[in-house]
C-alpha atoms as a PDB file:
ATOM      1  CA  MET A   1      66.054  24.851  -5.227  1.00  0.00           C
ATOM      2  CA  GLU A   2      63.718  26.841  -3.073  1.00  0.00           C
ATOM      3  CA  GLU A   3      60.716  25.377  -4.855  1.00  0.00           C
ATOM      4  CA  ALA A   4      61.548  21.774  -4.084  1.00  0.00           C
ATOM      5  CA  ALA A   5      62.027  22.722  -0.340  1.00  0.00           C
ATOM      6  CA  SER A   6      58.522  24.455  -0.134  1.00  0.00           C
ATOM      7  CA  ARG A   7      56.859  21.279  -2.023  1.00  0.00           C
ATOM      8  CA  ALA A   8      58.651  19.375   0.374  1.00  0.00           C
ATOM      9  CA  ALA A   9      57.445  21.209   3.330  1.00  0.00           C
ATOM     10  CA  THR A  10      53.435  20.323   2.317  1.00  0.00           C
ATOM     11  CA  ILE A  11      51.330  17.620   1.789  1.00  0.00           C
ATOM     12  CA  ASP A  12      48.209  17.142  -0.414  1.00  0.00           C
ATOM     13  CA  CYS A  13      45.135  17.593   1.238  1.00  0.00           C
ATOM     14  CA  PRO A  14      43.039  14.284   1.407  1.00  0.00           C
ATOM     15  CA  TYR A  15      39.979  15.787   0.004  1.00  0.00           C
ATOM     16  CA  CYS A  16      40.618  18.018  -2.725  1.00  0.00           C
ATOM     17  CA  ALA A  17      44.298  17.084  -3.225  1.00  0.00           C
ATOM     18  CA  GLU A  18      45.694  20.764  -3.074  1.00  0.00           C
ATOM     19  CA  PRO A  19      49.087  21.246  -1.153  1.00  0.00           C
ATOM     20  CA  ILE A  20      48.498  22.800   2.543  1.00  0.00           C
ATOM     21  CA  ASN A  21      51.316  22.627   5.270  1.00  0.00           C
ATOM     22  CA  PRO A  22      51.284  19.208   7.357  1.00  0.00           C
ATOM     23  CA  LYS A  23      50.203  20.777  10.891  1.00  0.00           C
ATOM     24  CA  SER A  24      46.996  22.267   8.893  1.00  0.00           C
ATOM     25  CA  LYS A  25      43.991  21.311  11.137  1.00  0.00           C
ATOM     26  CA  LYS A  26      41.528  22.732   8.710  1.00  0.00           C
ATOM     27  CA  CYS A  27      42.371  23.342   4.299  1.00  0.00           C
ATOM     28  CA  LYS A  28      42.645  26.269   3.786  1.00  0.00           C
ATOM     29  CA  HIS A  29      41.564  25.298   0.024  1.00  0.00           C
ATOM     30  CA  CYS A  30      38.462  23.311   0.382  1.00  0.00           C
ATOM     31  CA  GLY A  31      37.231  24.085   3.895  1.00  0.00           C
ATOM     32  CA  GLU A  32      37.355  20.217   5.221  1.00  0.00           C
ATOM     33  CA  ILE A  33      38.645  19.422   8.660  1.00  0.00           C
ATOM     34  CA  LEU A  34      41.414  17.256   8.969  1.00  0.00           C
ATOM     35  CA  ASP A  35      42.202  16.595  13.100  1.00  0.00           C
ATOM     36  CA  PRO A  36      39.793  14.356  13.742  1.00  0.00           C
ATOM     37  CA  GLN A  37      39.049  15.378  17.079  1.00  0.00           C
ATOM     38  CA  MET A  38      38.313  18.842  15.752  1.00  0.00           C
ATOM     39  CA  ARG A  39      35.622  17.292  13.096  1.00  0.00           C
ATOM     40  CA  GLU A  40      34.352  15.222  15.823  1.00  0.00           C
ATOM     41  CA  ILE A  41      33.768  18.219  18.067  1.00  0.00           C
ATOM     42  CA  GLU A  42      32.185  20.004  14.689  1.00  0.00           C
ATOM     43  CA  LEU A  43      29.653  16.988  13.916  1.00  0.00           C
ATOM     44  CA  LEU A  44      28.597  17.225  18.055  1.00  0.00           C
ATOM     45  CA  LYS A  45      27.875  21.260  17.555  1.00  0.00           C
ATOM     46  CA  SER A  46      26.357  20.562  14.853  1.00  0.00           C
ATOM     47  CA  GLN A  47      24.283  17.669  16.084  1.00  0.00           C
ATOM     48  CA  ARG A  48      23.378  19.903  19.479  1.00  0.00           C
ATOM     49  CA  SER A  49      22.428  23.008  16.943  1.00  0.00           C
ATOM     50  CA  SER A  50      19.700  20.534  15.138  1.00  0.00           C
ATOM     51  CA  PRO A  51      18.331  17.765  16.603  1.00  0.00           C
ATOM     52  CA  GLN A  52      17.117  14.964  14.671  1.00  0.00           C
ATOM     53  CA  VAL A  53      13.724  14.808  15.822  1.00  0.00           C
ATOM     54  CA  PHE A  54      11.289  12.433  13.722  1.00  0.00           C
ATOM     55  CA  MET A  55       8.262  13.177  15.506  1.00  0.00           C
ATOM     56  CA  ASN A  56       7.019  15.134  17.923  1.00  0.00           C
ATOM     57  CA  ALA A  57       3.976  16.225  20.416  1.00  0.00           C
ATOM     58  CA  GLY A  58       2.579  19.415  17.363  1.00  0.00           C
ATOM     59  CA  GLY A  59       4.110  17.376  14.405  1.00  0.00           C
ATOM     60  CA  GLY A  60       6.065  18.940  11.578  1.00  0.00           C
ATOM     61  CA  ALA A  61       3.939  21.681  11.023  1.00  0.00           C
ATOM     62  CA  ALA A  62       4.520  22.896  15.078  1.00  0.00           C
ATOM     63  CA  ALA A  63       8.059  22.333  14.527  1.00  0.00           C
ATOM     64  CA  ALA A  64       8.422  24.698  11.600  1.00  0.00           C
ATOM     65  CA  ALA A  65       5.998  27.255  12.867  1.00  0.00           C
ATOM     66  CA  ALA A  66       8.127  27.357  16.109  1.00  0.00           C
ATOM     67  CA  ALA A  67      11.545  27.717  14.659  1.00  0.00           C
ATOM     68  CA  THR A  68      10.466  30.260  11.918  1.00  0.00           C
ATOM     69  CA  GLY A  69       7.665  32.185  14.512  1.00  0.00           C
ATOM     70  CA  VAL A  70       5.546  31.902  11.869  1.00  0.00           C
ATOM     71  CA  GLY A  71       1.965  30.490  11.604  1.00  0.00           C
ATOM     72  CA  GLY A  72      -0.159  30.159  14.593  1.00  0.00           C
ATOM     73  CA  PRO A  73      -1.302  27.303  16.864  1.00  0.00           C
ATOM     74  CA  VAL A  74      -1.505  23.646  15.142  1.00  0.00           C
ATOM     75  CA  LYS A  75      -4.644  21.706  15.841  1.00  0.00           C
ATOM     76  CA  ARG A  76      -3.820  18.604  17.232  1.00  0.00           C
ATOM     77  CA  PHE A  77      -5.771  15.353  15.607  1.00  0.00           C
ATOM     78  CA  PRO A  78      -8.618  13.959  18.538  1.00  0.00           C
ATOM     79  CA  HIS A  79      -7.646  10.680  19.696  1.00  0.00           C
ATOM     80  CA  TRP A  80     -11.064   9.549  20.550  1.00  0.00           C
ATOM     81  CA  LEU A  81     -11.818  10.487  17.113  1.00  0.00           C
ATOM     82  CA  HIS A  82      -8.401   7.907  15.857  1.00  0.00           C
ATOM     83  CA  ILE A  83      -9.694   4.972  17.974  1.00  0.00           C
ATOM     84  CA  LEU A  84     -12.985   5.341  16.833  1.00  0.00           C
ATOM     85  CA  LEU A  85     -12.037   4.988  13.307  1.00  0.00           C
ATOM     86  CA  VAL A  86     -10.386   2.173  14.030  1.00  0.00           C
ATOM     87  CA  ILE A  87     -12.830   0.370  15.319  1.00  0.00           C
ATOM     88  CA  LEU A  88     -15.075   1.031  12.746  1.00  0.00           C
ATOM     89  CA  SER A  89     -12.605   0.064  10.119  1.00  0.00           C
ATOM     90  CA  GLY A  90     -11.898  -3.197  11.785  1.00  0.00           C
ATOM     91  CA  GLY A  91     -15.449  -4.070  12.494  1.00  0.00           C
ATOM     92  CA  LEU A  92     -16.003  -3.585   8.529  1.00  0.00           C
ATOM     93  CA  TRP A  93     -14.072  -6.687   7.993  1.00  0.00           C
ATOM     94  CA  LEU A  94     -15.612  -8.872  10.200  1.00  0.00           C
ATOM     95  CA  PRO A  95     -18.637  -9.863   7.540  1.00  0.00           C
ATOM     96  CA  ILE A  96     -16.168 -10.619   5.144  1.00  0.00           C
ATOM     97  CA  TYR A  97     -13.891 -12.874   7.505  1.00  0.00           C
ATOM     98  CA  LEU A  98     -17.656 -14.472   8.173  1.00  0.00           C
ATOM     99  CA  LEU A  99     -18.640 -14.971   4.846  1.00  0.00           C
ATOM    100  CA  MET A 100     -15.245 -16.646   3.753  1.00  0.00           C
ATOM    101  CA  TYR A 101     -15.558 -19.235   6.643  1.00  0.00           C
ATOM    102  CA  LEU A 102     -19.159 -20.379   5.618  1.00  0.00           C
ATOM    103  CA  PHE A 103     -17.948 -20.594   1.814  1.00  0.00           C
ATOM    104  CA  ARG A 104     -14.235 -21.749   2.721  1.00  0.00           C
ATOM    105  CA  ASN A 105     -13.094 -25.428   0.480  1.00  0.00           C
ATOM    106  CA  LYS A 106     -13.837 -27.921   3.212  1.00  0.00           C
ATOM    107  CA  ARG A 107     -11.830 -30.518   1.514  1.00  0.00           C
ATOM    108  CA  TYR A 108      -8.672 -28.447   2.800  1.00  0.00           C
ATOM    109  CA  TYR A 109     -10.058 -26.792   6.079  1.00  0.00           C
ATOM    110  CA  TYR A 110     -11.868 -28.255   8.712  1.00  0.00           C
END
């Protein structure tokens, strides 16, 4: 009789199906947070402690070096070199476009 009364005083955890107290905010078996407000607070805490940064000024290596304290300063890629490479690689296509224009099929293209 006592076992049936204790069974009625519990509910099953929605995550691990173990019996828990209906007033529980966290499952003692699997550790999942059952209270929606408490779950949201934990989510905000975890986002604040580890922000999702996809790109920063120093790159991923700088972020890892800053987080671990290992490694020296990261040398940045010079922007002027990037611009020069874009101009040169774009300029290499110009003769190809010119040849395609000169040898186009004049029946279909004017």
